[in-house]
Protein backbone atom coordinates (compact mmCIF):
# COMPACT_ATOMS: atom_id res chain seq x y z
CA MET A 1 0.00 0.00 0.00
CA ASP A 2 1.17 3.53 -0.76
CA ILE A 3 3.00 5.09 2.20
CA LEU A 4 1.32 8.46 1.62
CA ALA A 5 -2.12 6.84 1.79
CA ILE A 6 -1.20 5.12 5.06
CA ALA A 7 0.10 8.37 6.53
CA SER A 8 -3.02 10.26 5.46
CA GLY A 9 -5.20 7.58 6.99
CA LEU A 10 -3.33 7.74 10.30
CA VAL A 11 -3.59 11.52 10.42
CA GLY A 12 -7.30 11.42 9.64
CA TRP A 13 -7.89 8.73 12.27
CA THR A 14 -5.96 10.72 14.88
CA ILE A 15 -7.84 13.94 14.17
CA GLY A 16 -11.13 12.08 14.23
CA TRP A 17 -10.42 10.79 17.74
CA ILE A 18 -9.27 14.12 19.20
CA PRO A 19 -12.80 15.29 20.17
CA TYR A 20 -13.43 12.05 22.04
CA LEU A 21 -10.08 12.22 23.84
CA ILE A 22 -10.24 15.84 25.03
CA GLY A 23 -13.85 16.84 24.38
CA TRP A 24 -15.42 19.17 21.83
CA GLU A 25 -15.09 22.09 24.22
CA TRP A 26 -11.31 21.84 24.22
CA VAL A 27 -11.23 21.39 20.47
CA TRP A 28 -13.15 24.66 20.19
CA VAL A 29 -10.79 26.42 22.61
CA ILE A 30 -7.71 25.26 20.70
CA MET A 31 -9.10 26.18 17.28
CA TRP A 32 -10.46 29.52 18.45
CA ALA A 33 -7.23 30.45 20.21
CA HIS A 34 -5.10 29.56 17.21
CA ARG A 35 -7.37 31.48 14.85
CA TYR A 36 -8.13 34.59 16.88
CA VAL A 37 -5.56 35.19 19.64
CA ARG A 38 -3.19 36.69 17.09
CA LEU A 39 -5.99 38.95 15.83
CA VAL A 40 -6.84 40.27 19.31
CA VAL A 41 -3.20 40.87 20.23
CA ASN A 42 -2.43 42.44 16.85
CA CYS A 43 -5.38 44.81 17.26
CA ILE A 44 -4.01 46.03 20.57
CA SER A 45 -0.50 46.34 19.16
CA HIS A 46 -1.69 48.20 16.04
CA TRP A 47 -3.88 50.65 17.97
CA THR A 48 -1.04 51.47 20.37
CA TYR A 49 1.72 51.59 17.75
CA LYS A 50 3.97 54.66 17.89
CA THR A 51 5.89 56.17 15.01
CA VAL A 52 9.46 57.24 15.77
CA PRO A 53 9.47 61.06 16.00
CA ILE A 54 11.85 63.30 14.07
CA PRO A 55 14.81 64.21 16.32
CA GLU A 56 15.70 67.84 16.99
CA SER A 57 19.17 67.33 15.50
CA PRO A 58 18.84 64.49 12.97
CA SER A 59 21.90 62.51 11.97
CA TYR A 60 20.58 62.03 8.44
CA GLU A 61 19.01 64.46 5.99
CA SER A 62 17.83 64.29 2.40
CA LYS A 63 21.40 64.89 1.19
CA ASP A 64 22.31 61.54 2.75
CA VAL A 65 19.79 59.64 0.59
CA THR A 66 20.11 58.02 -2.83
CA VAL A 67 16.99 56.59 -4.49
CA ILE A 68 17.23 53.58 -6.84
CA ILE A 69 14.34 52.82 -9.19
CA PRO A 70 14.44 49.93 -11.68
CA THR A 71 11.99 50.44 -14.53
CA ILE A 72 10.90 48.63 -17.67
CA HIS A 73 8.03 50.99 -18.40
CA ASN A 74 6.94 51.32 -22.01
CA ASP A 75 5.65 54.89 -21.72
CA PHE A 76 8.13 56.83 -19.62
CA ALA A 77 5.93 59.94 -19.65
CA GLU A 78 3.65 58.09 -17.24
CA LEU A 79 6.48 58.17 -14.69
CA THR A 80 6.47 61.96 -14.51
CA ASP A 81 4.27 62.39 -11.43
CA SER A 82 6.06 59.64 -9.54
CA LEU A 83 9.59 60.86 -10.27
CA GLN A 84 8.73 64.51 -9.67
CA SER A 85 7.26 63.64 -6.27
CA ILE A 86 10.51 61.88 -5.37
CA LEU A 87 12.72 64.68 -6.68
CA ALA A 88 10.65 67.19 -4.70
CA CYS A 89 11.96 65.50 -1.55
CA ARG A 90 15.49 66.54 -2.64
CA PRO A 91 17.48 63.30 -2.40
CA TYR A 92 21.18 63.44 -3.19
CA GLU A 93 20.69 61.34 -6.32
CA LEU A 94 18.04 59.41 -8.20
CA LEU A 95 19.42 56.40 -10.07
CA LEU A 96 17.21 54.88 -12.78
CA VAL A 97 18.05 51.50 -14.28
CA THR A 98 16.36 50.15 -17.39
CA THR A 99 17.11 47.66 -20.15
CA THR A 100 19.37 48.35 -23.12
CA ASP A 101 16.50 48.52 -25.60
CA LYS A 102 14.76 51.22 -23.53
CA TYR A 103 17.83 53.18 -22.48
CA ASP A 104 17.67 55.86 -25.19
CA GLY A 105 13.99 56.49 -24.56
CA LEU A 106 14.56 56.86 -20.83
CA MET A 107 17.48 59.23 -21.41
CA LYS A 108 15.29 61.49 -23.57
CA PHE A 109 12.58 61.47 -20.92
CA VAL A 110 15.00 62.27 -18.08
CA LYS A 111 16.19 65.38 -19.92
CA THR A 112 12.64 66.73 -19.72
CA LEU A 113 12.81 66.54 -15.92
CA GLU A 114 15.66 69.07 -15.90
CA ALA A 115 17.09 67.48 -12.76
CA PRO A 116 20.90 67.34 -12.57
CA ASN A 117 20.88 64.68 -9.85
CA VAL A 118 19.26 61.97 -12.02
CA ARG A 119 21.49 59.33 -13.57
CA VAL A 120 20.41 56.55 -15.94
CA PHE A 121 21.93 53.09 -16.29
CA GLN A 122 21.22 50.06 -18.44
CA VAL A 123 21.42 46.29 -18.17
CA PRO A 124 21.04 43.72 -20.97
CA ILE A 125 17.90 42.02 -19.65
CA ALA A 126 14.75 42.89 -17.72
CA ASN A 127 15.32 41.62 -14.21
CA LYS A 128 14.63 43.76 -11.15
CA ARG A 129 17.42 42.22 -9.09
CA ILE A 130 20.05 42.69 -11.79
CA GLN A 131 18.86 46.24 -12.42
CA VAL A 132 19.08 47.16 -8.74
CA CYS A 133 22.52 45.59 -8.38
CA GLU A 134 23.75 47.69 -11.30
CA ALA A 135 23.16 50.85 -9.26
CA ILE A 136 23.86 49.80 -5.66
CA PRO A 137 27.70 49.86 -5.92
CA LEU A 138 27.49 53.41 -7.29
CA VAL A 139 25.66 54.84 -4.28
CA LYS A 140 27.71 57.46 -2.42
CA THR A 141 25.34 58.19 0.48
CA GLU A 142 24.80 56.43 3.80
CA ILE A 143 21.14 55.66 3.11
CA THR A 144 19.73 53.96 0.01
CA ILE A 145 16.03 53.91 -0.79
CA MET A 146 14.77 51.27 -3.21
CA ALA A 147 11.45 52.22 -4.78
CA ASP A 148 9.06 51.16 -7.53
CA ASP A 149 8.44 53.36 -10.54
CA ASP A 150 4.74 53.86 -9.79
CA VAL A 151 4.84 55.27 -6.25
CA THR A 152 4.08 58.84 -5.27
CA TRP A 153 5.80 60.37 -2.25
CA PRO A 154 4.59 63.16 0.01
CA ARG A 155 7.06 66.03 0.44
CA THR A 156 7.27 65.21 4.15
CA ILE A 157 8.43 61.61 3.80
CA LEU A 158 12.22 61.74 4.14
CA PRO A 159 12.61 63.24 7.65
CA TRP A 160 10.18 60.64 8.98
CA LEU A 161 11.71 57.77 7.02
CA LEU A 162 15.18 58.69 8.30
CA ALA A 163 14.23 59.20 11.95
CA PRO A 164 14.46 55.53 13.05
CA PHE A 165 18.05 55.33 11.74
CA GLU A 166 19.12 57.26 14.85
CA ASP A 167 19.13 53.75 16.34
CA LYS A 168 22.37 52.25 15.03
CA LYS A 169 20.80 48.79 15.05
CA ILE A 170 18.09 49.77 12.56
CA GLY A 171 18.93 48.50 9.09
CA GLY A 172 15.69 49.13 7.20
CA VAL A 173 12.72 51.50 7.50
CA GLY A 174 9.50 51.43 5.52
CA PRO A 175 6.52 53.79 5.17
CA CYS A 176 2.83 53.02 5.34
CA GLN A 177 0.97 52.81 2.03
CA ARG A 178 -2.32 53.51 0.32
CA VAL A 179 -3.67 52.65 -3.12
CA LYS A 180 -4.54 55.33 -5.64
CA ARG A 181 -8.32 55.14 -5.90
CA ILE A 182 -10.44 55.40 -9.03
CA ARG A 183 -13.86 57.02 -8.91
CA ALA A 184 -17.06 57.25 -10.90
CA GLY A 185 -16.68 56.91 -14.64
CA HIS A 186 -14.81 53.63 -14.46
CA PRO A 187 -16.47 50.22 -14.95
CA ILE A 188 -17.78 48.59 -11.80
CA SER A 189 -15.32 45.71 -12.30
CA ALA A 190 -12.38 48.14 -12.28
CA ARG A 191 -13.69 49.82 -9.12
CA MET A 192 -14.11 46.42 -7.50
CA TYR A 193 -10.52 45.38 -8.25
CA ASN A 194 -9.35 48.81 -7.10
CA TRP A 195 -11.18 48.30 -3.81
CA LEU A 196 -9.67 44.85 -3.33
CA GLY A 197 -6.22 46.32 -3.86
CA ALA A 198 -6.92 49.11 -1.37
CA ALA A 199 -8.17 46.57 1.16
CA TYR A 200 -5.07 44.44 0.65
CA ILE A 201 -2.77 47.39 1.35
CA GLU A 202 -4.85 48.42 4.38
CA ARG A 203 -4.56 44.92 5.86
CA ARG A 204 -0.85 45.02 5.18
CA ASN A 205 -0.51 48.32 7.05
CA PHE A 206 -2.36 46.75 9.97
CA GLU A 207 -0.29 43.58 10.06
CA ILE A 208 3.14 45.14 9.61
CA SER A 209 2.57 47.80 12.27
CA ALA A 210 1.12 45.25 14.70
CA THR A 211 4.01 42.80 14.42
CA HIS A 212 6.61 45.55 14.55
CA GLY A 213 4.95 46.76 17.72
CA MET A 214 5.23 43.30 19.25
CA ASP A 215 8.75 42.13 18.39
CA GLY A 216 9.95 44.21 15.44
CA GLY A 217 9.15 41.45 12.98
CA THR A 218 7.56 41.34 9.56
CA SER A 219 7.32 38.94 6.67
CA CYS A 220 8.36 41.55 4.11
CA MET A 221 9.64 45.12 3.98
CA SER A 222 7.82 46.17 0.83
CA GLY A 223 9.88 46.97 -2.23
CA ARG A 224 7.47 49.75 -3.21
CA THR A 225 9.55 52.06 -1.03
CA CYS A 226 12.02 51.11 1.68
CA ALA A 227 15.15 52.76 3.10
CA PHE A 228 18.29 50.80 4.02
CA ARG A 229 21.76 51.51 5.26
CA SER A 230 23.94 51.52 2.16
CA GLU A 231 26.63 49.46 3.88
CA ILE A 232 24.19 46.54 4.06
CA LEU A 233 23.26 46.60 0.39
CA GLN A 234 26.83 47.19 -0.81
CA SER A 235 28.21 44.13 0.94
CA PRO A 236 29.52 41.69 -1.72
CA LEU A 237 27.82 38.88 0.17
CA PHE A 238 24.46 40.62 -0.11
CA LEU A 239 24.90 41.46 -3.79
CA HIS A 240 25.92 37.89 -4.60
CA GLY A 241 22.98 36.35 -2.74
CA PHE A 242 20.50 38.90 -4.05
CA LYS A 243 21.41 38.28 -7.69
CA THR A 244 21.70 34.50 -7.51
CA GLU A 245 18.87 33.46 -5.18
CA ARG A 246 17.05 30.41 -6.41
CA TRP A 247 14.01 28.34 -5.62
CA GLY A 248 14.67 24.88 -6.94
CA ARG A 249 16.95 24.98 -9.97
CA PHE A 250 16.14 28.43 -11.28
CA GLN A 251 16.91 31.96 -10.19
CA LEU A 252 14.06 34.01 -8.78
CA ASN A 253 12.75 37.09 -10.51
CA ALA A 254 10.10 37.90 -7.90
CA ASP A 255 10.53 37.91 -4.08
CA ASP A 256 13.30 40.52 -4.11
CA ASP A 257 11.96 42.40 -1.09
CA ASN A 258 11.51 39.15 0.83
CA PHE A 259 15.19 38.39 0.34
CA VAL A 260 16.25 41.80 1.66
CA THR A 261 13.98 41.42 4.68
CA ARG A 262 15.36 38.01 5.58
CA TRP A 263 18.92 39.23 5.03
CA LEU A 264 18.36 41.93 7.65
CA VAL A 265 17.02 39.38 10.13
CA SER A 266 19.83 36.92 9.41
CA ASN A 267 22.43 39.61 10.08
CA GLN A 268 20.76 40.92 13.27
CA TRP A 269 19.57 44.22 11.80
CA LYS A 270 16.29 45.63 13.11
CA THR A 271 13.54 47.14 10.96
CA TRP A 272 10.81 49.68 11.59
CA ILE A 273 7.66 51.05 9.97
CA GLN A 274 6.65 54.70 10.13
CA TYR A 275 2.86 54.63 10.41
CA ASN A 276 1.71 58.22 9.94
CA LYS A 277 0.21 60.39 7.21
CA GLU A 278 3.45 62.32 6.67
CA CYS A 279 5.20 59.07 5.76
CA GLU A 280 2.52 57.49 3.57
CA ILE A 281 3.21 56.68 -0.06
CA GLU A 282 0.61 56.18 -2.77
CA THR A 283 0.91 53.21 -5.11
CA THR A 284 -1.06 51.60 -7.90
CA LEU A 285 -2.21 48.02 -8.25
CA GLU A 286 -3.93 46.39 -11.20
CA ASN A 287 -7.58 47.38 -11.68
CA ASN A 288 -8.42 44.34 -13.79
CA SER A 289 -7.99 40.58 -13.74
CA LEU A 290 -4.19 41.02 -13.59
CA PHE A 291 -4.78 41.76 -9.91
CA LEU A 292 -5.36 38.03 -9.49
CA ASN A 293 -1.92 37.39 -10.98
CA GLN A 294 -0.46 39.80 -8.46
CA CYS A 295 -2.23 37.96 -5.64
CA LEU A 296 -0.89 34.68 -6.96
CA ARG A 297 2.68 36.02 -7.07
CA TRP A 298 2.37 37.45 -3.55
CA ALA A 299 1.01 34.13 -2.30
CA ARG A 300 3.90 32.20 -3.86
CA SER A 301 6.32 34.67 -2.31
CA ASN A 302 4.75 34.15 1.11
CA TRP A 303 4.96 30.37 0.86
CA ARG A 304 8.57 30.43 -0.33
CA SER A 305 9.85 33.12 1.99
CA ASN A 306 8.08 31.92 5.13
CA TRP A 307 9.25 28.36 4.50
CA THR A 308 12.78 29.70 4.15
CA SER A 309 12.47 31.74 7.35
CA LEU A 310 11.05 28.87 9.39
CA VAL A 311 12.93 25.87 8.04
CA THR A 312 16.06 26.94 6.18
CA GLU A 313 17.35 29.97 8.09
CA ARG A 314 15.37 29.66 11.36
CA HIS A 315 16.52 33.01 12.82
CA VAL A 316 12.94 34.20 13.35
CA TRP A 317 12.20 31.53 15.96
CA ARG A 318 14.57 33.22 18.38
CA GLN A 319 14.54 36.84 17.25
CA GLN A 320 10.84 37.30 16.43
CA PRO A 321 8.73 34.73 18.30
CA TRP A 322 5.44 36.60 17.95
CA SER A 323 5.89 37.22 14.23
CA THR A 324 6.84 33.57 13.84
CA TYR A 325 3.43 32.58 15.20
CA ALA A 326 1.32 35.42 13.83
CA LEU A 327 2.86 35.69 10.35
CA HIS A 328 5.13 32.87 9.28
CA ILE A 329 3.27 29.88 10.73
CA ALA A 330 -0.09 31.48 9.90
CA THR A 331 0.75 31.19 6.21
CA PHE A 332 0.41 27.43 6.54
CA THR A 333 -2.70 27.38 8.75
CA SER A 334 -4.96 30.31 7.78
CA LEU A 335 -7.19 29.03 4.99
CA ALA A 336 -10.46 30.78 5.86
CA PHE A 337 -12.64 28.71 3.53
CA LEU A 338 -11.67 25.64 5.57
CA LEU A 339 -11.24 27.03 9.09
CA ASP A 340 -14.36 29.20 9.33
CA PRO A 341 -16.84 26.37 8.59
CA ALA A 342 -14.79 24.09 10.84
CA ILE A 343 -15.02 26.51 13.78
CA LEU A 344 -18.78 26.89 13.29
CA TRP A 345 -19.15 23.10 13.22
CA VAL A 346 -17.04 22.65 16.34
CA THR A 347 -19.07 25.40 18.06
CA TYR A 348 -22.22 23.44 17.26
CA GLN A 349 -20.72 20.19 18.57
CA ALA A 350 -19.35 21.83 21.73
CA THR A 351 -22.79 23.21 22.63
CA GLN A 352 -24.79 20.04 22.05
CA THR A 353 -25.59 19.74 25.75
CA TRP A 354 -26.82 23.34 25.95
CA SER A 355 -30.45 24.35 25.62
CA PRO A 356 -31.57 25.00 22.03
CA GLU A 357 -31.86 28.73 22.68
CA ALA A 358 -28.39 28.93 24.26
CA GLN A 359 -26.91 26.93 21.41
CA ARG A 360 -28.45 29.23 18.80
CA THR A 361 -27.09 32.23 20.70
CA ALA A 362 -23.61 30.70 20.80
CA MET A 363 -23.70 30.00 17.07
CA LEU A 364 -24.90 33.54 16.34
CA VAL A 365 -22.23 35.13 18.53
CA GLN A 366 -19.51 33.05 16.87
CA PHE A 367 -20.79 33.97 13.42
CA LEU A 368 -20.94 37.70 14.23
CA PHE A 369 -17.47 37.62 15.75
CA MET A 370 -16.22 35.88 12.63
CA CYS A 371 -17.69 38.65 10.47
CA ALA A 372 -16.26 41.37 12.72
CA SER A 373 -12.81 39.80 12.45
CA LYS A 374 -12.94 40.38 8.70
CA VAL A 375 -13.76 44.07 9.11
CA VAL A 376 -11.53 45.23 11.95
CA LYS A 377 -8.39 45.53 9.80
CA LEU A 378 -10.26 47.75 7.34
CA VAL A 379 -11.58 50.29 9.84
CA GLY A 380 -9.09 52.92 8.69
CA LEU A 381 -10.19 52.48 5.09
CA PHE A 382 -13.87 52.88 5.97
CA VAL A 383 -13.12 55.99 8.03
CA ARG A 384 -11.41 57.62 5.04
CA GLU A 385 -13.90 56.34 2.48
CA PRO A 386 -17.29 55.62 4.14
CA SER A 387 -18.85 54.69 0.79
CA ASP A 388 -16.48 51.73 0.58
CA ILE A 389 -18.79 49.86 2.94
CA LEU A 390 -20.68 48.86 -0.23
CA PHE A 391 -17.71 46.70 -1.22
CA LEU A 392 -17.51 44.85 2.10
CA PRO A 393 -19.38 41.73 0.84
CA VAL A 394 -16.96 41.61 -2.10
CA SER A 395 -14.03 41.72 0.31
CA ILE A 396 -15.40 38.92 2.48
CA LEU A 397 -16.15 36.66 -0.49
CA PHE A 398 -12.77 37.38 -2.02
CA GLY A 399 -11.15 36.44 1.29
CA TYR A 400 -12.51 32.92 0.89
CA PHE A 401 -11.58 32.81 -2.79
CA HIS A 402 -8.07 33.92 -1.87
CA GLY A 403 -7.68 30.67 0.04
CA LEU A 404 -7.96 28.85 -3.28
CA ILE A 405 -5.36 31.21 -4.75
CA LYS A 406 -3.04 30.32 -1.87
CA LEU A 407 -3.51 26.61 -2.53
CA TRP A 408 -2.82 27.05 -6.24
CA ALA A 409 0.26 29.07 -5.33
CA LEU A 410 1.44 26.25 -3.07
CA PHE A 411 1.24 23.75 -5.92
CA THR A 412 2.99 26.08 -8.37
CA LEU A 413 5.93 27.29 -6.29
CA ARG A 414 8.28 26.41 -9.13
CA VAL A 415 6.84 29.34 -11.07
CA THR A 416 9.35 32.04 -10.15
CA SER A 417 8.44 34.66 -12.75
CA TRP A 418 6.81 38.07 -12.27
CA GLY A 419 3.57 37.33 -14.06
CA SER A 420 1.67 40.62 -13.88
CA ARG A 421 3.76 43.32 -15.57
CA ALA A 422 4.46 43.96 -19.22
CA ASP A 423 7.98 42.85 -20.15
CA GLY A 424 8.58 41.67 -16.58
CA ASP A 425 9.44 38.17 -17.74
CA ALA A 426 10.70 39.01 -21.23
CA ASN A 427 14.14 37.57 -20.52
CA ASP A 428 13.22 34.48 -18.54
CA SER A 429 15.35 32.29 -20.81
CA ALA A 430 18.48 33.78 -19.21
CA ARG A 431 17.14 33.55 -15.68
CA MET A 432 15.83 30.01 -16.10
CA THR A 433 19.18 28.62 -17.19
CA PRO A 434 20.31 26.26 -14.41
CA ARG A 435 23.40 27.57 -12.68
CA ALA A 436 26.40 25.29 -12.43
CA ARG A 437 27.11 23.95 -8.98
CA ARG A 438 29.89 25.89 -7.31
CA SER A 439 33.09 24.01 -6.60
CA GLU A 440 34.10 23.63 -2.98
CA SER A 441 37.69 24.58 -3.77
CA ILE A 442 39.89 26.25 -6.34
CA THR A 443 43.37 25.27 -7.44
CA LEU A 444 45.77 28.15 -7.91
CA PRO A 445 48.71 28.15 -10.33
CA PRO A 446 52.19 28.04 -8.78
CA GLY A 447 53.58 31.17 -7.16
CA ASN A 448 52.29 34.08 -5.11
CA HIS A 449 49.09 35.87 -6.11
CA PRO A 450 48.79 39.10 -4.11
CA GLY A 451 46.29 40.51 -6.59
CA LEU A 452 43.63 37.93 -5.70
CA ILE A 453 40.94 39.07 -3.31
CA GLN A 454 38.48 37.32 -1.04
CA PHE A 455 35.21 38.57 0.34
CA ASN A 456 35.35 39.66 3.94
CA ASN A 457 32.18 40.40 5.87
CA ASP A 458 33.22 43.69 7.45
CA LYS A 459 32.81 47.35 6.50
CA SER A 460 35.91 47.32 4.31
CA PHE A 461 34.22 44.49 2.36
CA MET A 462 37.34 43.49 0.43
CA VAL A 463 40.75 42.54 1.71
CA GLU A 464 43.65 41.56 -0.47
CA LYS A 465 45.26 38.31 0.54
CA GLY A 466 48.35 36.55 -0.77
CA PHE A 467 48.91 32.83 -1.13
CA GLU A 468 52.32 31.38 -0.56
CA THR A 469 51.96 27.94 -2.07
CA ASP A 470 50.44 26.28 -5.09
CA SER A 471 48.20 24.15 -2.93
CA THR A 472 44.45 23.90 -3.26
CA VAL A 473 42.81 26.78 -1.42
CA VAL A 474 39.46 26.33 0.28
CA VAL A 475 36.93 28.95 -0.78
CA ASP A 476 36.54 31.78 1.71
CA GLU A 477 34.81 30.49 4.83
CA ALA A 478 33.18 33.83 5.49
CA LEU A 479 31.35 33.63 2.18
CA ASP A 480 30.24 30.06 2.68
CA SER A 481 29.08 30.42 6.29
CA SER A 482 27.27 33.66 5.63
CA GLU A 483 25.44 32.17 2.66
CA ASP A 484 24.48 29.11 4.67
CA ASP A 485 22.90 31.31 7.35
CA SER A 486 21.57 34.25 5.40
CA ARG A 487 20.61 33.41 1.87
CA SER A 488 17.10 32.37 1.04
CA SER A 489 16.01 28.93 0.12
CA SER A 490 19.10 28.34 -1.85
CA ASP A 491 21.49 25.50 -1.57
CA ASP A 492 23.88 24.10 -4.10
CA ALA A 493 22.94 20.60 -2.97
CA TYR A 494 19.76 20.71 -5.04
CA ASP A 495 17.47 17.70 -4.95
CA SER A 496 15.51 17.58 -8.19
CA HIS A 497 12.95 15.24 -6.65
CA ASP A 498 12.05 17.50 -3.74
CA SER A 499 9.37 20.05 -4.62
CA MET A 500 10.17 22.03 -1.48
CA SER A 501 13.93 21.91 -2.02
CA VAL A 502 15.40 25.35 -1.66
CA GLU A 503 18.37 26.97 -3.25
CA ASN A 504 19.93 30.25 -3.35
CA ASP A 505 13.67 35.93 -0.93
CA ASP A 506 2.65 40.06 0.64
CA VAL A 507 0.08 39.89 3.86
CA ASP A 508 2.82 41.82 1.59
CA THR A 509 4.28 41.48 -0.16
CA GLN A 510 6.02 42.33 -2.36
CA GLY A 511 6.38 44.99 -4.91
CA ARG A 512 4.43 45.56 -8.05
């Protein structure tokens, strides 16, 4: 008999006996606690969350900031509002990176901005990671902000975004977000997708502020806009891992912000979110069926990144225990279309000995609480846009449908492409080429070689080292050990038969 069938039978038999071993009441307590304790605690944490204030004498100002934006846009004129909003904040430099075929068009567009602090670079293929890595080594400031090409900044953002960096242990800081809304005159389907996107971002604001308030944890510092210490991004170890991260045999195109987030955790850097109007960016999501592709990509990113955090790297267990429970583990256990009916059924079973009236009351209370739990994260959205209450049924129904998206994402984790942006996967043939397995050693030719360098994980980054013999030299231990601890699900010992094998990043995330 098939081993999997036997295992499934044993699990089913065990679960079936649990109510008779501990009673339906305890089953209800366990299920309810697992489902809703994190919600109650996160509500308290979110409502009491405090943004770091701007210091009287800040250590960092706008002149200490370089902004990097990778773009593969086809109509660069559409970037005008976004780029002008960023330039209005007066960063030291704005570095734009596009593909070779779009370089001339971007150069012509940049000249219309009449901004001397904008530089343009090109790479051969469309790949966000490669584009970003083209610009990172050229940054001259202490703070680097990575941003998408569709975000709009308020003029007040930089002082607030820089304030948490007064803490020398802070490595990354993100803003809160909102979606650019569309109004009357658009098809109802477009307005519905726009609402779902706005609700997604609102839930993300809730979750990321709540978990930061508890233990400083998050599943993803969104790539839409996030500030980092340049020394972190310019480390050769980071650049190598960022460009070559794989899931299975192939390099990832998506999940870039997940990788950066996990890198910070792996290297004991703290993160923070500034949750206030002065530090709120505006972004755009798809207002059509492509939004479902975005949701699918975000779901895949969550599965991959949270698996990596929990199983491969494991730093979050010790550093961020609450986020481990409320975010990472929840990815594997929060399928509403399964859990909600199960909790209602267990509530019915646990109240069998009650009077009919008391049982009906218990069922009604549980149902109403279940509905309230799906609204509480959206309170801020309803306060700003009271008319959005009309879309609440759509949001609830989509929440159940999203469970199916998550399951489909789980079974298609090998799809590592972008999937929702024009030209985003135009050069997948290069990315999908399996990388050769790295040798564990190199053999040098006879003689001394003072010109050879090795990576060193300190602020100098590179140290020249000589070799006195012609013996076989083991590859730099600092590189190997750091990759083992810090890279994402990437390992050169790839097992082609293991669908969850990981090799070397929605709620967030995840950029556009």
